[in-house]
Amino acid sequence: MTSLTDLQALERDLRDLALVLARASTDTGGRSDLDAAIERYGFTRADLESDPTGPA
C-alpha cells in the first residue's frame, strides 16, 4: 500500500516534471546578459548597488 508521504513525493515530482516540460517547450534559446537587461530599464549596476531602498 502507498503511504501519504509517498503520494506527496510523487505529487512534487509530477509538479517538477510539468514545470520542466513547460519550460522546455517554450524556450527559444535566447539569453540576456544581466547588465544589458539592467541598462534596458535605464539603470546601471552601480545605480542599483547604491540604491538606499534596496536590500542591505
PDB file of N, CA and C in Angstrom:
ATOM      1  N   MET A   1       0.846  -1.179   0.000  1.00  0.00           N
ATOM      2  CA  MET A   1       0.000   0.000   0.000  1.00  0.00           C
ATOM      3  C   MET A   1       0.897   1.250   0.000  1.00  0.00           C
ATOM      4  N   THR A   2       0.491   2.258  -0.709  1.00  0.00           N
ATOM      5  CA  THR A   2       1.240   3.508  -0.814  1.00  0.00           C
ATOM      6  C   THR A   2       0.848   4.444   0.320  1.00  0.00           C
ATOM      7  N   SER A   3       1.864   5.004   0.963  1.00  0.00           N
ATOM      8  CA  SER A   3       1.593   5.900   2.080  1.00  0.00           C
ATOM      9  C   SER A   3       1.326   7.319   1.577  1.00  0.00           C
ATOM     10  N   LEU A   4       0.792   8.130   2.440  1.00  0.00           N
ATOM     11  CA  LEU A   4       0.528   9.529   2.115  1.00  0.00           C
ATOM     12  C   LEU A   4       1.833  10.248   1.766  1.00  0.00           C
ATOM     13  N   THR A   5       2.893   9.934   2.495  1.00  0.00           N
ATOM     14  CA  THR A   5       4.192  10.549   2.235  1.00  0.00           C
ATOM     15  C   THR A   5       4.682  10.203   0.833  1.00  0.00           C
ATOM     16  N   ASP A   6       4.497   8.952   0.424  1.00  0.00           N
ATOM     17  CA  ASP A   6       4.891   8.536  -0.922  1.00  0.00           C
ATOM     18  C   ASP A   6       4.079   9.283  -1.985  1.00  0.00           C
ATOM     19  N   LEU A   7       2.788   9.426  -1.743  1.00  0.00           N
ATOM     20  CA  LEU A   7       1.928  10.131  -2.687  1.00  0.00           C
ATOM     21  C   LEU A   7       2.305  11.607  -2.794  1.00  0.00           C
ATOM     22  N   GLN A   8       2.660  12.215  -1.668  1.00  0.00           N
ATOM     23  CA  GLN A   8       3.072  13.615  -1.683  1.00  0.00           C
ATOM     24  C   GLN A   8       4.385  13.789  -2.441  1.00  0.00           C
ATOM     25  N   ALA A   9       5.304  12.842  -2.291  1.00  0.00           N
ATOM     26  CA  ALA A   9       6.570  12.891  -3.033  1.00  0.00           C
ATOM     27  C   ALA A   9       6.305  12.750  -4.527  1.00  0.00           C
ATOM     28  N   LEU A  10       5.416  11.855  -4.903  1.00  0.00           N
ATOM     29  CA  LEU A  10       5.066  11.696  -6.316  1.00  0.00           C
ATOM     30  C   LEU A  10       4.419  12.964  -6.870  1.00  0.00           C
ATOM     31  N   GLU A  11       3.582  13.594  -6.078  1.00  0.00           N
ATOM     32  CA  GLU A  11       2.942  14.840  -6.499  1.00  0.00           C
ATOM     33  C   GLU A  11       3.992  15.916  -6.762  1.00  0.00           C
ATOM     34  N   ARG A  12       4.968  16.041  -5.868  1.00  0.00           N
ATOM     35  CA  ARG A  12       6.047  17.024  -6.059  1.00  0.00           C
ATOM     36  C   ARG A  12       6.842  16.712  -7.321  1.00  0.00           C
ATOM     37  N   ASP A  13       7.139  15.435  -7.538  1.00  0.00           N
ATOM     38  CA  ASP A  13       7.884  15.039  -8.730  1.00  0.00           C
ATOM     39  C   ASP A  13       7.110  15.363 -10.003  1.00  0.00           C
ATOM     40  N   LEU A  14       5.813  15.099 -10.002  1.00  0.00           N
ATOM     41  CA  LEU A  14       4.985  15.393 -11.179  1.00  0.00           C
ATOM     42  C   LEU A  14       4.893  16.892 -11.434  1.00  0.00           C
ATOM     43  N   ARG A  15       4.805  17.679 -10.362  1.00  0.00           N
ATOM     44  CA  ARG A  15       4.769  19.130 -10.495  1.00  0.00           C
ATOM     45  C   ARG A  15       6.081  19.636 -11.102  1.00  0.00           C
ATOM     46  N   ASP A  16       7.201  19.096 -10.622  1.00  0.00           N
ATOM     47  CA  ASP A  16       8.508  19.476 -11.164  1.00  0.00           C
ATOM     48  C   ASP A  16       8.626  19.085 -12.630  1.00  0.00           C
ATOM     49  N   LEU A  17       8.167  17.897 -12.964  1.00  0.00           N
ATOM     50  CA  LEU A  17       8.212  17.434 -14.352  1.00  0.00           C
ATOM     51  C   LEU A  17       7.371  18.332 -15.259  1.00  0.00           C
ATOM     52  N   ALA A  18       6.190  18.724 -14.798  1.00  0.00           N
ATOM     53  CA  ALA A  18       5.337  19.615 -15.594  1.00  0.00           C
ATOM     54  C   ALA A  18       6.025  20.955 -15.834  1.00  0.00           C
ATOM     55  N   LEU A  19       6.710  21.470 -14.819  1.00  0.00           N
ATOM     56  CA  LEU A  19       7.430  22.730 -14.964  1.00  0.00           C
ATOM     57  C   LEU A  19       8.572  22.596 -15.963  1.00  0.00           C
ATOM     58  N   VAL A  20       9.330  21.514 -15.877  1.00  0.00           N
ATOM     59  CA  VAL A  20      10.438  21.280 -16.814  1.00  0.00           C
ATOM     60  C   VAL A  20       9.909  21.178 -18.244  1.00  0.00           C
ATOM     61  N   LEU A  21       8.838  20.446 -18.434  1.00  0.00           N
ATOM     62  CA  LEU A  21       8.272  20.290 -19.779  1.00  0.00           C
ATOM     63  C   LEU A  21       7.746  21.618 -20.324  1.00  0.00           C
ATOM     64  N   ALA A  22       7.101  22.405 -19.478  1.00  0.00           N
ATOM     65  CA  ALA A  22       6.595  23.707 -19.923  1.00  0.00           C
ATOM     66  C   ALA A  22       7.741  24.626 -20.313  1.00  0.00           C
ATOM     67  N   ARG A  23       8.783  24.636 -19.513  1.00  0.00           N
ATOM     68  CA  ARG A  23       9.940  25.486 -19.832  1.00  0.00           C
ATOM     69  C   ARG A  23      10.633  25.010 -21.100  1.00  0.00           C
ATOM     70  N   ALA A  24      10.796  23.715 -21.257  1.00  0.00           N
ATOM     71  CA  ALA A  24      11.470  23.173 -22.433  1.00  0.00           C
ATOM     72  C   ALA A  24      10.679  23.461 -23.706  1.00  0.00           C
ATOM     73  N   SER A  25       9.370  23.403 -23.618  1.00  0.00           N
ATOM     74  CA  SER A  25       8.553  23.609 -24.825  1.00  0.00           C
ATOM     75  C   SER A  25       8.424  25.078 -25.211  1.00  0.00           C
ATOM     76  N   THR A  26       8.720  25.992 -24.292  1.00  0.00           N
ATOM     77  CA  THR A  26       8.592  27.416 -24.604  1.00  0.00           C
ATOM     78  C   THR A  26       9.944  28.121 -24.697  1.00  0.00           C
ATOM     79  N   ASP A  27      11.045  27.408 -24.490  1.00  0.00           N
ATOM     80  CA  ASP A  27      12.380  28.007 -24.513  1.00  0.00           C
ATOM     81  C   ASP A  27      12.796  28.300 -25.945  1.00  0.00           C
ATOM     82  N   THR A  28      13.096  29.557 -26.219  1.00  0.00           N
ATOM     83  CA  THR A  28      13.537  29.948 -27.558  1.00  0.00           C
ATOM     84  C   THR A  28      15.050  29.877 -27.692  1.00  0.00           C
ATOM     85  N   GLY A  29      15.747  29.667 -26.599  1.00  0.00           N
ATOM     86  CA  GLY A  29      17.197  29.602 -26.629  1.00  0.00           C
ATOM     87  C   GLY A  29      17.856  30.950 -26.438  1.00  0.00           C
ATOM     88  N   GLY A  30      17.072  32.020 -26.471  1.00  0.00           N
ATOM     89  CA  GLY A  30      17.623  33.358 -26.304  1.00  0.00           C
ATOM     90  C   GLY A  30      17.957  33.634 -24.849  1.00  0.00           C
ATOM     91  N   ARG A  31      19.095  34.229 -24.640  1.00  0.00           N
ATOM     92  CA  ARG A  31      19.504  34.581 -23.283  1.00  0.00           C
ATOM     93  C   ARG A  31      19.895  36.046 -23.257  1.00  0.00           C
ATOM     94  N   SER A  32      19.756  36.692 -22.118  1.00  0.00           N
ATOM     95  CA  SER A  32      20.110  38.098 -21.967  1.00  0.00           C
ATOM     96  C   SER A  32      21.208  38.241 -20.933  1.00  0.00           C
ATOM     97  N   ASP A  33      22.127  39.125 -21.204  1.00  0.00           N
ATOM     98  CA  ASP A  33      23.156  39.488 -20.250  1.00  0.00           C
ATOM     99  C   ASP A  33      22.508  40.339 -19.162  1.00  0.00           C
ATOM    100  N   LEU A  34      22.863  40.116 -17.907  1.00  0.00           N
ATOM    101  CA  LEU A  34      22.240  40.854 -16.812  1.00  0.00           C
ATOM    102  C   LEU A  34      22.452  42.356 -16.962  1.00  0.00           C
ATOM    103  N   ASP A  35      23.666  42.773 -17.297  1.00  0.00           N
ATOM    104  CA  ASP A  35      23.923  44.202 -17.443  1.00  0.00           C
ATOM    105  C   ASP A  35      23.099  44.812 -18.576  1.00  0.00           C
ATOM    106  N   ALA A  36      22.908  44.077 -19.672  1.00  0.00           N
ATOM    107  CA  ALA A  36      22.078  44.566 -20.778  1.00  0.00           C
ATOM    108  C   ALA A  36      20.626  44.729 -20.327  1.00  0.00           C
ATOM    109  N   ALA A  37      20.145  43.784 -19.520  1.00  0.00           N
ATOM    110  CA  ALA A  37      18.771  43.882 -19.020  1.00  0.00           C
ATOM    111  C   ALA A  37      18.621  45.075 -18.085  1.00  0.00           C
ATOM    112  N   ILE A  38      19.609  45.296 -17.222  1.00  0.00           N
ATOM    113  CA  ILE A  38      19.565  46.444 -16.307  1.00  0.00           C
ATOM    114  C   ILE A  38      19.559  47.745 -17.106  1.00  0.00           C
ATOM    115  N   GLU A  39      20.422  47.827 -18.114  1.00  0.00           N
ATOM    116  CA  GLU A  39      20.503  49.041 -18.940  1.00  0.00           C
ATOM    117  C   GLU A  39      19.228  49.276 -19.732  1.00  0.00           C
ATOM    118  N   ARG A  40      18.550  48.207 -20.123  1.00  0.00           N
ATOM    119  CA  ARG A  40      17.294  48.336 -20.871  1.00  0.00           C
ATOM    120  C   ARG A  40      16.262  49.131 -20.075  1.00  0.00           C
ATOM    121  N   TYR A  41      16.344  49.053 -18.758  1.00  0.00           N
ATOM    122  CA  TYR A  41      15.412  49.787 -17.901  1.00  0.00           C
ATOM    123  C   TYR A  41      15.985  51.108 -17.409  1.00  0.00           C
ATOM    124  N   GLY A  42      17.118  51.523 -18.007  1.00  0.00           N
ATOM    125  CA  GLY A  42      17.651  52.848 -17.723  1.00  0.00           C
ATOM    126  C   GLY A  42      18.513  52.947 -16.477  1.00  0.00           C
ATOM    127  N   PHE A  43      19.056  51.824 -16.037  1.00  0.00           N
ATOM    128  CA  PHE A  43      19.900  51.813 -14.847  1.00  0.00           C
ATOM    129  C   PHE A  43      21.262  51.235 -15.180  1.00  0.00           C
ATOM    130  N   THR A  44      22.174  51.360 -14.249  1.00  0.00           N
ATOM    131  CA  THR A  44      23.452  50.666 -14.310  1.00  0.00           C
ATOM    132  C   THR A  44      23.566  49.815 -13.057  1.00  0.00           C
ATOM    133  N   ARG A  45      24.514  48.921 -13.067  1.00  0.00           N
ATOM    134  CA  ARG A  45      24.717  48.089 -11.882  1.00  0.00           C
ATOM    135  C   ARG A  45      25.070  48.957 -10.682  1.00  0.00           C
ATOM    136  N   ALA A  46      25.862  50.025 -10.913  1.00  0.00           N
ATOM    137  CA  ALA A  46      26.240  50.943  -9.828  1.00  0.00           C
ATOM    138  C   ALA A  46      25.018  51.646  -9.254  1.00  0.00           C
ATOM    139  N   ASP A  47      24.062  52.026 -10.135  1.00  0.00           N
ATOM    140  CA  ASP A  47      22.822  52.651  -9.647  1.00  0.00           C
ATOM    141  C   ASP A  47      22.101  51.720  -8.671  1.00  0.00           C
ATOM    142  N   LEU A  48      22.010  50.463  -9.032  1.00  0.00           N
ATOM    143  CA  LEU A  48      21.278  49.520  -8.194  1.00  0.00           C
ATOM    144  C   LEU A  48      22.023  49.211  -6.903  1.00  0.00           C
ATOM    145  N   GLU A  49      23.335  49.157  -6.965  1.00  0.00           N
ATOM    146  CA  GLU A  49      24.124  48.872  -5.767  1.00  0.00           C
ATOM    147  C   GLU A  49      24.085  50.033  -4.780  1.00  0.00           C
ATOM    148  N   SER A  50      23.871  51.262  -5.279  1.00  0.00           N
ATOM    149  CA  SER A  50      23.866  52.423  -4.384  1.00  0.00           C
ATOM    150  C   SER A  50      22.461  52.838  -3.945  1.00  0.00           C
ATOM    151  N   ASP A  51      21.439  52.123  -4.369  1.00  0.00           N
ATOM    152  CA  ASP A  51      20.053  52.453  -4.045  1.00  0.00           C
ATOM    153  C   ASP A  51      19.800  52.227  -2.547  1.00  0.00           C
ATOM    154  N   PRO A  52      19.501  53.285  -1.791  1.00  0.00           N
ATOM    155  CA  PRO A  52      19.286  53.119  -0.350  1.00  0.00           C
ATOM    156  C   PRO A  52      17.998  52.366  -0.009  1.00  0.00           C
ATOM    157  N   THR A  53      17.087  52.206  -0.955  1.00  0.00           N
ATOM    158  CA  THR A  53      15.835  51.477  -0.673  1.00  0.00           C
ATOM    159  C   THR A  53      15.976  49.993  -0.927  1.00  0.00           C
ATOM    160  N   GLY A  54      17.104  49.569  -1.501  1.00  0.00           N
ATOM    161  CA  GLY A  54      17.310  48.161  -1.813  1.00  0.00           C
ATOM    162  C   GLY A  54      17.783  47.373  -0.605  1.00  0.00           C
ATOM    163  N   PRO A  55      17.995  46.070  -0.815  1.00  0.00           N
ATOM    164  CA  PRO A  55      18.451  45.213   0.278  1.00  0.00           C
ATOM    165  C   PRO A  55      19.828  45.627   0.785  1.00  0.00           C
ATOM    166  N   ALA A  56      20.067  45.432   2.038  1.00  0.00           N
ATOM    167  CA  ALA A  56      21.355  45.807   2.637  1.00  0.00           C
ATOM    168  C   ALA A  56      22.399  44.754   2.388  1.00  0.00           C
TER     169      ALA A  56
END
